[in-house]
PDB file of all heavy atoms in Angstrom:
ATOM      1  N   ASP A   1      49.134 113.595 155.317  1.00  0.00           N
ATOM      2  CA  ASP A   1      49.283 112.143 155.470  1.00  0.00           C
ATOM      3  C   ASP A   1      47.843 111.561 155.511  1.00  0.00           C
ATOM      4  O   ASP A   1      46.849 112.301 155.372  1.00  0.00           O
ATOM      5  CB  ASP A   1      50.056 111.799 156.761  1.00  0.00           C
ATOM      6  CG  ASP A   1      49.471 112.417 158.014  1.00  0.00           C
ATOM      7  OD1 ASP A   1      48.253 112.736 158.035  1.00  0.00           O
ATOM      8  OD2 ASP A   1      50.233 112.576 158.983  1.00  0.00           O
ATOM      9  N   ALA A   2      47.769 110.253 155.666  1.00  0.00           N
ATOM     10  CA  ALA A   2      46.472 109.590 155.593  1.00  0.00           C
ATOM     11  C   ALA A   2      45.526 110.097 156.687  1.00  0.00           C
ATOM     12  O   ALA A   2      44.324 110.283 156.444  1.00  0.00           O
ATOM     13  CB  ALA A   2      46.651 108.061 155.704  1.00  0.00           C
ATOM     14  N   GLU A   3      46.067 110.341 157.854  1.00  0.00           N
ATOM     15  CA  GLU A   3      45.199 110.796 158.961  1.00  0.00           C
ATOM     16  C   GLU A   3      44.629 112.174 158.675  1.00  0.00           C
ATOM     17  O   GLU A   3      43.439 112.435 158.884  1.00  0.00           O
ATOM     18  CB  GLU A   3      46.018 110.841 160.245  1.00  0.00           C
ATOM     19  CG  GLU A   3      45.220 111.270 161.461  1.00  0.00           C
ATOM     20  CD  GLU A   3      46.028 111.269 162.742  1.00  0.00           C
ATOM     21  OE1 GLU A   3      47.244 110.944 162.694  1.00  0.00           O
ATOM     22  OE2 GLU A   3      45.470 111.616 163.814  1.00  0.00           O
ATOM     23  N   GLY A   4      45.458 113.077 158.149  1.00  0.00           N
ATOM     24  CA  GLY A   4      44.959 114.420 157.836  1.00  0.00           C
ATOM     25  C   GLY A   4      43.929 114.397 156.742  1.00  0.00           C
ATOM     26  O   GLY A   4      42.902 115.117 156.793  1.00  0.00           O
ATOM     27  N   LEU A   5      44.182 113.648 155.701  1.00  0.00           N
ATOM     28  CA  LEU A   5      43.238 113.569 154.556  1.00  0.00           C
ATOM     29  C   LEU A   5      41.919 112.961 154.998  1.00  0.00           C
ATOM     30  O   LEU A   5      40.841 113.323 154.452  1.00  0.00           O
ATOM     31  CB  LEU A   5      43.865 112.798 153.409  1.00  0.00           C
ATOM     32  CG  LEU A   5      44.980 113.544 152.656  1.00  0.00           C
ATOM     33  CD1 LEU A   5      45.673 112.595 151.706  1.00  0.00           C
ATOM     34  CD2 LEU A   5      44.428 114.748 151.893  1.00  0.00           C
ATOM     35  N   ALA A   6      41.968 112.033 155.920  1.00  0.00           N
ATOM     36  CA  ALA A   6      40.720 111.428 156.384  1.00  0.00           C
ATOM     37  C   ALA A   6      39.795 112.415 157.097  1.00  0.00           C
ATOM     38  O   ALA A   6      38.609 112.193 157.276  1.00  0.00           O
ATOM     39  CB  ALA A   6      41.016 110.240 157.323  1.00  0.00           C
ATOM     40  N   GLY A   7      40.366 113.582 157.490  1.00  0.00           N
ATOM     41  CA  GLY A   7      39.573 114.590 158.130  1.00  0.00           C
ATOM     42  C   GLY A   7      38.679 115.378 157.233  1.00  0.00           C
ATOM     43  O   GLY A   7      37.812 116.154 157.679  1.00  0.00           O
ATOM     44  N   LEU A   8      38.865 115.222 155.912  1.00  0.00           N
ATOM     45  CA  LEU A   8      38.005 115.898 154.955  1.00  0.00           C
ATOM     46  C   LEU A   8      36.680 115.121 154.856  1.00  0.00           C
ATOM     47  O   LEU A   8      36.696 113.954 154.433  1.00  0.00           O
ATOM     48  CB  LEU A   8      38.686 115.999 153.601  1.00  0.00           C
ATOM     49  CG  LEU A   8      38.014 116.969 152.610  1.00  0.00           C
ATOM     50  CD1 LEU A   8      39.043 117.542 151.607  1.00  0.00           C
ATOM     51  CD2 LEU A   8      36.924 116.278 151.793  1.00  0.00           C
ATOM     52  N   GLU A   9      35.591 115.792 155.218  1.00  0.00           N
ATOM     53  CA  GLU A   9      34.312 115.119 155.239  1.00  0.00           C
ATOM     54  C   GLU A   9      33.332 115.726 154.221  1.00  0.00           C
ATOM     55  O   GLU A   9      32.187 115.300 154.144  1.00  0.00           O
ATOM     56  CB  GLU A   9      33.714 115.124 156.649  1.00  0.00           C
ATOM     57  CG  GLU A   9      34.568 114.360 157.641  1.00  0.00           C
ATOM     58  CD  GLU A   9      34.018 114.371 159.044  1.00  0.00           C
ATOM     59  OE1 GLU A   9      33.055 115.157 159.283  1.00  0.00           O
ATOM     60  OE2 GLU A   9      34.512 113.593 159.881  1.00  0.00           O
ATOM     61  N   LYS A  10      33.768 116.744 153.467  1.00  0.00           N
ATOM     62  CA  LYS A  10      32.906 117.320 152.413  1.00  0.00           C
ATOM     63  C   LYS A  10      32.938 116.428 151.172  1.00  0.00           C
ATOM     64  O   LYS A  10      33.991 115.825 150.869  1.00  0.00           O
ATOM     65  CB  LYS A  10      33.432 118.685 152.004  1.00  0.00           C
ATOM     66  CG  LYS A  10      33.873 119.607 153.114  1.00  0.00           C
ATOM     67  CD  LYS A  10      32.706 120.209 153.861  1.00  0.00           C
ATOM     68  CE  LYS A  10      33.171 121.281 154.860  1.00  0.00           C
ATOM     69  NZ  LYS A  10      32.051 121.849 155.620  1.00  0.00           N
ATOM     70  N   PRO A  11      31.825 116.276 150.453  1.00  0.00           N
ATOM     71  CA  PRO A  11      31.859 115.583 149.184  1.00  0.00           C
ATOM     72  C   PRO A  11      32.986 116.194 148.307  1.00  0.00           C
ATOM     73  O   PRO A  11      33.135 117.420 148.227  1.00  0.00           O
ATOM     74  CB  PRO A  11      30.506 115.832 148.593  1.00  0.00           C
ATOM     75  CG  PRO A  11      29.611 116.056 149.797  1.00  0.00           C
ATOM     76  CD  PRO A  11      30.475 116.750 150.784  1.00  0.00           C
ATOM     77  N   LEU A  12      33.758 115.333 147.660  1.00  0.00           N
ATOM     78  CA  LEU A  12      34.977 115.750 146.948  1.00  0.00           C
ATOM     79  C   LEU A  12      34.998 115.216 145.529  1.00  0.00           C
ATOM     80  O   LEU A  12      34.701 114.053 145.302  1.00  0.00           O
ATOM     81  CB  LEU A  12      36.187 115.218 147.724  1.00  0.00           C
ATOM     82  CG  LEU A  12      37.553 115.396 147.081  1.00  0.00           C
ATOM     83  CD1 LEU A  12      37.965 116.875 146.953  1.00  0.00           C
ATOM     84  CD2 LEU A  12      38.635 114.640 147.879  1.00  0.00           C
ATOM     85  N   MET A  13      35.379 116.090 144.582  1.00  0.00           N
ATOM     86  CA  MET A  13      35.700 115.658 143.251  1.00  0.00           C
ATOM     87  C   MET A  13      37.127 116.112 142.943  1.00  0.00           C
ATOM     88  O   MET A  13      37.460 117.291 143.029  1.00  0.00           O
ATOM     89  CB  MET A  13      34.754 116.198 142.185  1.00  0.00           C
ATOM     90  CG  MET A  13      35.052 115.632 140.796  1.00  0.00           C
ATOM     91  SD  MET A  13      33.744 115.910 139.572  1.00  0.00           S
ATOM     92  CE  MET A  13      33.988 117.659 139.267  1.00  0.00           C
ATOM     93  N   LEU A  14      37.981 115.153 142.639  1.00  0.00           N
ATOM     94  CA  LEU A  14      39.338 115.425 142.182  1.00  0.00           C
ATOM     95  C   LEU A  14      39.429 115.361 140.680  1.00  0.00           C
ATOM     96  O   LEU A  14      38.739 114.521 140.071  1.00  0.00           O
ATOM     97  CB  LEU A  14      40.313 114.415 142.810  1.00  0.00           C
ATOM     98  CG  LEU A  14      40.478 114.426 144.344  1.00  0.00           C
ATOM     99  CD1 LEU A  14      41.031 113.103 144.841  1.00  0.00           C
ATOM    100  CD2 LEU A  14      41.339 115.600 144.758  1.00  0.00           C
ATOM    101  N   VAL A  15      40.228 116.229 140.104  1.00  0.00           N
ATOM    102  CA  VAL A  15      40.431 116.235 138.644  1.00  0.00           C
ATOM    103  C   VAL A  15      41.949 116.262 138.374  1.00  0.00           C
ATOM    104  O   VAL A  15      42.651 117.035 139.031  1.00  0.00           O
ATOM    105  CB  VAL A  15      39.756 117.482 138.016  1.00  0.00           C
ATOM    106  CG1 VAL A  15      39.946 117.461 136.512  1.00  0.00           C
ATOM    107  CG2 VAL A  15      38.289 117.543 138.376  1.00  0.00           C
ATOM    108  N   ALA A  16      42.403 115.413 137.448  1.00  0.00           N
ATOM    109  CA  ALA A  16      43.854 115.336 137.250  1.00  0.00           C
ATOM    110  C   ALA A  16      44.144 114.824 135.859  1.00  0.00           C
ATOM    111  O   ALA A  16      43.322 114.183 135.209  1.00  0.00           O
ATOM    112  CB  ALA A  16      44.478 114.391 138.271  1.00  0.00           C
ATOM    113  N   GLY A  17      45.356 115.150 135.401  1.00  0.00           N
ATOM    114  CA  GLY A  17      45.925 114.523 134.212  1.00  0.00           C
ATOM    115  C   GLY A  17      46.847 113.396 134.637  1.00  0.00           C
ATOM    116  O   GLY A  17      47.599 113.557 135.599  1.00  0.00           O
ATOM    117  N   SER A  18      46.817 112.269 133.917  1.00  0.00           N
ATOM    118  CA  SER A  18      47.641 111.127 134.327  1.00  0.00           C
ATOM    119  C   SER A  18      49.130 111.364 134.113  1.00  0.00           C
ATOM    120  O   SER A  18      49.938 110.589 134.638  1.00  0.00           O
ATOM    121  CB  SER A  18      47.179 109.885 133.546  1.00  0.00           C
ATOM    122  OG  SER A  18      47.539 109.987 132.166  1.00  0.00           O
ATOM    123  N   ALA A  19      49.518 112.418 133.380  1.00  0.00           N
ATOM    124  CA  ALA A  19      50.918 112.738 133.182  1.00  0.00           C
ATOM    125  C   ALA A  19      51.358 113.941 134.004  1.00  0.00           C
ATOM    126  O   ALA A  19      52.414 114.524 133.732  1.00  0.00           O
ATOM    127  CB  ALA A  19      51.201 112.964 131.691  1.00  0.00           C
ATOM    128  N   ASP A  20      50.556 114.340 134.999  1.00  0.00           N
ATOM    129  CA  ASP A  20      50.898 115.518 135.810  1.00  0.00           C
ATOM    130  C   ASP A  20      52.243 115.282 136.517  1.00  0.00           C
ATOM    131  O   ASP A  20      52.381 114.358 137.318  1.00  0.00           O
ATOM    132  CB  ASP A  20      49.819 115.751 136.843  1.00  0.00           C
ATOM    133  CG  ASP A  20      49.943 117.078 137.590  1.00  0.00           C
ATOM    134  OD1 ASP A  20      51.060 117.544 137.745  1.00  0.00           O
ATOM    135  OD2 ASP A  20      48.900 117.615 138.004  1.00  0.00           O
ATOM    136  N   ASP A  21      53.211 116.121 136.222  1.00  0.00           N
ATOM    137  CA  ASP A  21      54.527 116.020 136.829  1.00  0.00           C
ATOM    138  C   ASP A  21      54.826 117.186 137.751  1.00  0.00           C
ATOM    139  O   ASP A  21      55.960 117.401 138.166  1.00  0.00           O
ATOM    140  CB  ASP A  21      55.627 115.850 135.776  1.00  0.00           C
ATOM    141  CG  ASP A  21      55.683 117.014 134.786  1.00  0.00           C
ATOM    142  OD1 ASP A  21      54.941 118.009 134.985  1.00  0.00           O
ATOM    143  OD2 ASP A  21      56.447 116.917 133.793  1.00  0.00           O
ATOM    144  N   VAL A  22      53.807 117.977 138.101  1.00  0.00           N
ATOM    145  CA  VAL A  22      53.925 119.051 139.044  1.00  0.00           C
ATOM    146  C   VAL A  22      53.347 118.624 140.413  1.00  0.00           C
ATOM    147  O   VAL A  22      54.049 118.492 141.401  1.00  0.00           O
ATOM    148  CB  VAL A  22      53.269 120.343 138.537  1.00  0.00           C
ATOM    149  CG1 VAL A  22      53.333 121.450 139.576  1.00  0.00           C
ATOM    150  CG2 VAL A  22      53.898 120.792 137.244  1.00  0.00           C
ATOM    151  N   SER A  23      52.052 118.405 140.409  1.00  0.00           N
ATOM    152  CA  SER A  23      51.431 117.848 141.626  1.00  0.00           C
ATOM    153  C   SER A  23      51.593 116.336 141.701  1.00  0.00           C
ATOM    154  O   SER A  23      51.402 115.740 142.759  1.00  0.00           O
ATOM    155  CB  SER A  23      49.935 118.197 141.661  1.00  0.00           C
ATOM    156  OG  SER A  23      49.756 119.611 141.744  1.00  0.00           O
ATOM    157  N   GLU A  24      51.940 115.729 140.599  1.00  0.00           N
ATOM    158  CA  GLU A  24      52.237 114.299 140.439  1.00  0.00           C
ATOM    159  C   GLU A  24      50.951 113.449 140.587  1.00  0.00           C
ATOM    160  O   GLU A  24      50.328 113.429 141.622  1.00  0.00           O
ATOM    161  CB  GLU A  24      53.320 113.846 141.428  1.00  0.00           C
ATOM    162  CG  GLU A  24      54.645 114.560 141.185  1.00  0.00           C
ATOM    163  CD  GLU A  24      55.747 114.057 142.068  1.00  0.00           C
ATOM    164  OE1 GLU A  24      55.542 113.011 142.774  1.00  0.00           O
ATOM    165  OE2 GLU A  24      56.845 114.698 142.094  1.00  0.00           O
ATOM    166  N   TYR A  25      50.672 112.772 139.491  1.00  0.00           N
ATOM    167  CA  TYR A  25      49.434 112.031 139.429  1.00  0.00           C
ATOM    168  C   TYR A  25      49.338 110.955 140.512  1.00  0.00           C
ATOM    169  O   TYR A  25      48.282 110.757 141.143  1.00  0.00           O
ATOM    170  CB  TYR A  25      49.263 111.404 138.037  1.00  0.00           C
ATOM    171  CG  TYR A  25      47.988 110.618 137.877  1.00  0.00           C
ATOM    172  CD1 TYR A  25      46.742 111.268 137.939  1.00  0.00           C
ATOM    173  CD2 TYR A  25      47.974 109.231 137.665  1.00  0.00           C
ATOM    174  CE1 TYR A  25      45.553 110.577 137.795  1.00  0.00           C
ATOM    175  CE2 TYR A  25      46.796 108.545 137.513  1.00  0.00           C
ATOM    176  CZ  TYR A  25      45.587 109.212 137.575  1.00  0.00           C
ATOM    177  OH  TYR A  25      44.392 108.486 137.423  1.00  0.00           O
ATOM    178  N   ASP A  26      50.429 110.242 140.776  1.00  0.00           N
ATOM    179  CA  ASP A  26      50.404 109.229 141.808  1.00  0.00           C
ATOM    180  C   ASP A  26      50.038 109.807 143.170  1.00  0.00           C
ATOM    181  O   ASP A  26      49.352 109.175 143.996  1.00  0.00           O
ATOM    182  CB  ASP A  26      51.739 108.491 141.887  1.00  0.00           C
ATOM    183  CG  ASP A  26      51.950 107.532 140.719  1.00  0.00           C
ATOM    184  OD1 ASP A  26      50.989 107.276 139.977  1.00  0.00           O
ATOM    185  OD2 ASP A  26      53.119 107.094 140.541  1.00  0.00           O
ATOM    186  N   ALA A  27      50.512 111.033 143.434  1.00  0.00           N
ATOM    187  CA  ALA A  27      50.190 111.692 144.696  1.00  0.00           C
ATOM    188  C   ALA A  27      48.748 112.118 144.758  1.00  0.00           C
ATOM    189  O   ALA A  27      48.083 112.023 145.807  1.00  0.00           O
ATOM    190  CB  ALA A  27      51.097 112.920 144.880  1.00  0.00           C
ATOM    191  N   ILE A  28      48.203 112.530 143.614  1.00  0.00           N
ATOM    192  CA  ILE A  28      46.768 112.881 143.570  1.00  0.00           C
ATOM    193  C   ILE A  28      45.917 111.640 143.800  1.00  0.00           C
ATOM    194  O   ILE A  28      44.881 111.684 144.492  1.00  0.00           O
ATOM    195  CB  ILE A  28      46.418 113.568 142.246  1.00  0.00           C
ATOM    196  CG1 ILE A  28      47.187 114.887 142.123  1.00  0.00           C
ATOM    197  CG2 ILE A  28      44.914 113.861 142.146  1.00  0.00           C
ATOM    198  CD1 ILE A  28      47.113 115.527 140.744  1.00  0.00           C
TER     199      ILE A  28
END
């Protein structure tokens, strides 16, 4: 959830395909 994700303090790069239907792009 938002609270848990806010606990990540390491620099982050996310990579995704806009048509991802497994992890789902909107969720990424």
